[in-house]
Amino acid sequence: MLEAVEALAREGRWCVGHLRYEAAAFDPAFDVHAADGPLAFINSLRGWPGADLVDDNAP
């Protein structure tokens, strides 16, 4: 998954998302609870929403 996200970022896309605490279950050294949803969620955007609304002169 991280390789796919990196490839999208190299194409100039914005990648945002989250990785759940329970994703540590991929490492048997950690003891975690069963997840009740996806372990990771990533979204990629061609541009940052509202980027044209940013005031570069703001303090």
C-alpha atoms as a PDB file:
ATOM      1  CA  MET A   1       0.000   0.000   0.000  1.00  0.00           C
ATOM      2  CA  LEU A   2       2.741   2.466   0.893  1.00  0.00           C
ATOM      3  CA  GLU A   3       4.468   1.828  -2.436  1.00  0.00           C
ATOM      4  CA  ALA A   4       1.223   2.673  -4.250  1.00  0.00           C
ATOM      5  CA  VAL A   5       0.838   5.869  -2.200  1.00  0.00           C
ATOM      6  CA  GLU A   6       4.423   6.853  -2.942  1.00  0.00           C
ATOM      7  CA  ALA A   7       3.852   6.302  -6.678  1.00  0.00           C
ATOM      8  CA  LEU A   8       0.770   8.556  -6.577  1.00  0.00           C
ATOM      9  CA  ALA A   9       2.706  11.238  -4.688  1.00  0.00           C
ATOM     10  CA  ARG A  10       5.499  11.106  -7.268  1.00  0.00           C
ATOM     11  CA  GLU A  11       2.841  11.793  -9.926  1.00  0.00           C
ATOM     12  CA  GLY A  12       2.088  15.027  -8.076  1.00  0.00           C
ATOM     13  CA  ARG A  13      -1.035  13.897  -6.257  1.00  0.00           C
ATOM     14  CA  TRP A  14      -1.841  14.789  -2.642  1.00  0.00           C
ATOM     15  CA  CYS A  15      -2.244  11.671  -0.492  1.00  0.00           C
ATOM     16  CA  VAL A  16      -4.032  11.834   2.835  1.00  0.00           C
ATOM     17  CA  GLY A  17      -5.324   9.170   5.149  1.00  0.00           C
ATOM     18  CA  HIS A  18      -4.847   7.345   8.393  1.00  0.00           C
ATOM     19  CA  LEU A  19      -3.366   4.163   9.741  1.00  0.00           C
ATOM     20  CA  ARG A  20      -5.218   2.546  12.627  1.00  0.00           C
ATOM     21  CA  TYR A  21      -3.482   1.547  15.824  1.00  0.00           C
ATOM     22  CA  GLU A  22      -4.573  -2.037  15.163  1.00  0.00           C
ATOM     23  CA  ALA A  23      -2.404  -2.116  12.040  1.00  0.00           C
ATOM     24  CA  ALA A  24       0.395  -3.074  14.435  1.00  0.00           C
ATOM     25  CA  ALA A  25      -1.143  -6.570  14.247  1.00  0.00           C
ATOM     26  CA  PHE A  26       1.066  -7.107  11.200  1.00  0.00           C
ATOM     27  CA  ASP A  27       3.957  -7.364  13.658  1.00  0.00           C
ATOM     28  CA  PRO A  28       3.522 -10.365  15.970  1.00  0.00           C
ATOM     29  CA  ALA A  29       5.555  -8.567  18.652  1.00  0.00           C
ATOM     30  CA  PHE A  30       2.506  -6.352  19.360  1.00  0.00           C
ATOM     31  CA  ASP A  31      -0.663  -7.447  21.109  1.00  0.00           C
ATOM     32  CA  VAL A  32      -3.675  -5.527  19.763  1.00  0.00           C
ATOM     33  CA  HIS A  33      -7.459  -5.808  19.613  1.00  0.00           C
ATOM     34  CA  ALA A  34      -9.263  -7.004  16.491  1.00  0.00           C
ATOM     35  CA  ALA A  35     -10.081  -4.128  14.152  1.00  0.00           C
ATOM     36  CA  ASP A  36     -13.692  -3.269  13.370  1.00  0.00           C
ATOM     37  CA  GLY A  37     -12.861  -1.608  10.052  1.00  0.00           C
ATOM     38  CA  PRO A  38     -10.047  -1.054   7.555  1.00  0.00           C
ATOM     39  CA  LEU A  39      -6.540  -0.884   8.995  1.00  0.00           C
ATOM     40  CA  ALA A  40      -5.553   1.871   6.609  1.00  0.00           C
ATOM     41  CA  PHE A  41      -7.432   4.384   4.510  1.00  0.00           C
ATOM     42  CA  ILE A  42      -5.704   6.570   1.947  1.00  0.00           C
ATOM     43  CA  ASN A  43      -7.262   8.993  -0.524  1.00  0.00           C
ATOM     44  CA  SER A  44      -5.414  10.723  -3.343  1.00  0.00           C
ATOM     45  CA  LEU A  45      -6.359  14.073  -4.824  1.00  0.00           C
ATOM     46  CA  ARG A  46      -5.199  15.760  -8.019  1.00  0.00           C
ATOM     47  CA  GLY A  47      -5.061  19.063  -6.134  1.00  0.00           C
ATOM     48  CA  TRP A  48      -5.668  20.244  -2.620  1.00  0.00           C
ATOM     49  CA  PRO A  49      -9.314  21.346  -2.194  1.00  0.00           C
ATOM     50  CA  GLY A  50      -9.546  25.090  -1.653  1.00  0.00           C
ATOM     51  CA  ALA A  51      -5.863  25.621  -2.452  1.00  0.00           C
ATOM     52  CA  ASP A  52      -6.803  28.646  -4.547  1.00  0.00           C
ATOM     53  CA  LEU A  53      -8.389  30.152  -1.428  1.00  0.00           C
ATOM     54  CA  VAL A  54      -5.141  30.254   0.553  1.00  0.00           C
ATOM     55  CA  ASP A  55      -3.921  33.771   1.331  1.00  0.00           C
ATOM     56  CA  ASP A  56      -0.125  33.650   0.981  1.00  0.00           C
ATOM     57  CA  ASN A  57       0.067  37.013   2.765  1.00  0.00           C
ATOM     58  CA  ALA A  58      -1.757  35.830   5.898  1.00  0.00           C
ATOM     59  CA  PRO A  59       0.266  35.988   9.151  1.00  0.00           C
END
